[in-house]
Amino acid sequence: MEEKMDRIERQLRLYELVCSYAVTGFETIEEAFPDSSRRMVQRDLKDLKDAGLVSVNYVKKAQTRGLCRGVAELQ
C-alpha cells in the first residue's frame, strides 16, 4: 500500500510540473495527482501563488477549468 504524499512533497512536485510547461490545464495537474482531491490541489496552487512561485489564471471556457503558468524565474 502506497503512503500518501505529505503537503510539502506534493507542493514540490506540483511546482516541478507547472514549471515544466509554459501553460498547463488543470486537468493535466489532476492527472498527475490522482490521489489528491481537486480542492487540495487548488489549495496547493494557491500556496505556490501566494509565495510568488507561479502565476495562476482561471478562465471559463467550454472544456477548460483553469490555466496555470509557471514563472520563468524563481522569486
C-alpha atoms as a PDB file:
ATOM      1  CA  MET A   1       0.000   0.000   0.000  1.00  0.00           C
ATOM      2  CA  GLU A   2       1.408   3.375  -1.045  1.00  0.00           C
ATOM      3  CA  GLU A   3       1.665   6.129   1.503  1.00  0.00           C
ATOM      4  CA  LYS A   4       0.040   9.427   0.548  1.00  0.00           C
ATOM      5  CA  MET A   5       2.339  12.349  -0.172  1.00  0.00           C
ATOM      6  CA  ASP A   6       2.644  14.953   2.522  1.00  0.00           C
ATOM      7  CA  ARG A   7       1.796  18.554   1.709  1.00  0.00           C
ATOM      8  CA  ILE A   8       5.366  19.773   1.130  1.00  0.00           C
ATOM      9  CA  GLU A   9       6.249  16.865  -1.166  1.00  0.00           C
ATOM     10  CA  ARG A  10       3.023  17.369  -3.116  1.00  0.00           C
ATOM     11  CA  GLN A  11       3.655  21.104  -3.481  1.00  0.00           C
ATOM     12  CA  LEU A  12       7.223  20.494  -4.675  1.00  0.00           C
ATOM     13  CA  ARG A  13       6.001  18.006  -7.290  1.00  0.00           C
ATOM     14  CA  LEU A  14       3.258  20.426  -8.309  1.00  0.00           C
ATOM     15  CA  TYR A  15       5.803  23.228  -8.701  1.00  0.00           C
ATOM     16  CA  GLU A  16       8.021  20.988 -10.844  1.00  0.00           C
ATOM     17  CA  LEU A  17       5.038  20.039 -13.005  1.00  0.00           C
ATOM     18  CA  VAL A  18       3.892  23.632 -13.543  1.00  0.00           C
ATOM     19  CA  CYS A  19       7.426  24.780 -14.328  1.00  0.00           C
ATOM     20  CA  SER A  20       7.905  22.018 -16.884  1.00  0.00           C
ATOM     21  CA  TYR A  21       5.113  23.520 -19.036  1.00  0.00           C
ATOM     22  CA  ALA A  22       4.731  27.079 -20.298  1.00  0.00           C
ATOM     23  CA  VAL A  23       0.966  26.728 -19.788  1.00  0.00           C
ATOM     24  CA  THR A  24      -0.904  23.716 -18.456  1.00  0.00           C
ATOM     25  CA  GLY A  25      -4.553  22.977 -17.835  1.00  0.00           C
ATOM     26  CA  PHE A  26      -5.962  21.935 -14.507  1.00  0.00           C
ATOM     27  CA  GLU A  27      -6.863  18.544 -15.971  1.00  0.00           C
ATOM     28  CA  THR A  28      -3.164  17.793 -16.519  1.00  0.00           C
ATOM     29  CA  ILE A  29      -2.430  18.648 -12.911  1.00  0.00           C
ATOM     30  CA  GLU A  30      -5.297  16.471 -11.680  1.00  0.00           C
ATOM     31  CA  GLU A  31      -3.971  13.536 -13.726  1.00  0.00           C
ATOM     32  CA  ALA A  32      -0.551  13.911 -12.094  1.00  0.00           C
ATOM     33  CA  PHE A  33      -2.117  13.781  -8.600  1.00  0.00           C
ATOM     34  CA  PRO A  34      -4.859  11.132  -8.823  1.00  0.00           C
ATOM     35  CA  ASP A  35      -4.883  10.527  -5.051  1.00  0.00           C
ATOM     36  CA  SER A  36      -5.378  14.213  -4.204  1.00  0.00           C
ATOM     37  CA  SER A  37      -8.738  15.941  -4.219  1.00  0.00           C
ATOM     38  CA  ARG A  38      -9.376  18.888  -6.519  1.00  0.00           C
ATOM     39  CA  ARG A  39      -9.722  21.183  -3.510  1.00  0.00           C
ATOM     40  CA  MET A  40      -6.366  20.026  -2.121  1.00  0.00           C
ATOM     41  CA  VAL A  41      -4.631  20.756  -5.429  1.00  0.00           C
ATOM     42  CA  GLN A  42      -6.320  24.170  -5.577  1.00  0.00           C
ATOM     43  CA  ARG A  43      -5.039  24.974  -2.069  1.00  0.00           C
ATOM     44  CA  ASP A  44      -1.534  23.876  -3.063  1.00  0.00           C
ATOM     45  CA  LEU A  45      -1.654  26.084  -6.170  1.00  0.00           C
ATOM     46  CA  LYS A  46      -2.817  28.993  -4.012  1.00  0.00           C
ATOM     47  CA  ASP A  47       0.113  28.445  -1.628  1.00  0.00           C
ATOM     48  CA  LEU A  48       2.561  28.448  -4.562  1.00  0.00           C
ATOM     49  CA  LYS A  49       0.900  31.554  -5.997  1.00  0.00           C
ATOM     50  CA  ASP A  50       0.968  33.346  -2.630  1.00  0.00           C
ATOM     51  CA  ALA A  51       4.681  32.534  -2.374  1.00  0.00           C
ATOM     52  CA  GLY A  52       5.195  34.195  -5.766  1.00  0.00           C
ATOM     53  CA  LEU A  53       6.372  30.973  -7.415  1.00  0.00           C
ATOM     54  CA  VAL A  54       3.625  30.536 -10.020  1.00  0.00           C
ATOM     55  CA  SER A  55       1.020  32.639 -11.743  1.00  0.00           C
ATOM     56  CA  VAL A  56      -2.464  31.117 -11.831  1.00  0.00           C
ATOM     57  CA  ASN A  57      -5.116  32.332 -14.244  1.00  0.00           C
ATOM     58  CA  TYR A  58      -8.605  30.836 -14.109  1.00  0.00           C
ATOM     59  CA  VAL A  59     -10.696  31.095 -17.257  1.00  0.00           C
ATOM     60  CA  LYS A  60     -14.164  29.819 -18.046  1.00  0.00           C
ATOM     61  CA  LYS A  61     -14.335  28.043 -21.368  1.00  0.00           C
ATOM     62  CA  ALA A  62     -16.239  25.003 -22.558  1.00  0.00           C
ATOM     63  CA  GLN A  63     -13.725  22.320 -21.502  1.00  0.00           C
ATOM     64  CA  THR A  64     -11.195  24.400 -19.547  1.00  0.00           C
ATOM     65  CA  ARG A  65     -11.403  24.817 -15.801  1.00  0.00           C
ATOM     66  CA  GLY A  66      -8.196  26.773 -15.333  1.00  0.00           C
ATOM     67  CA  LEU A  67      -4.751  27.577 -16.605  1.00  0.00           C
ATOM     68  CA  CYS A  68      -1.536  27.721 -14.649  1.00  0.00           C
ATOM     69  CA  ARG A  69       1.564  29.472 -15.830  1.00  0.00           C
ATOM     70  CA  GLY A  70       4.978  28.756 -14.317  1.00  0.00           C
ATOM     71  CA  VAL A  71       7.011  31.860 -13.598  1.00  0.00           C
ATOM     72  CA  ALA A  72      10.281  31.758 -15.571  1.00  0.00           C
ATOM     73  CA  GLU A  73      12.458  32.842 -12.664  1.00  0.00           C
ATOM     74  CA  LEU A  74      12.443  31.902  -9.011  1.00  0.00           C
ATOM     75  CA  GLN A  75      11.453  34.702  -6.704  1.00  0.00           C
END
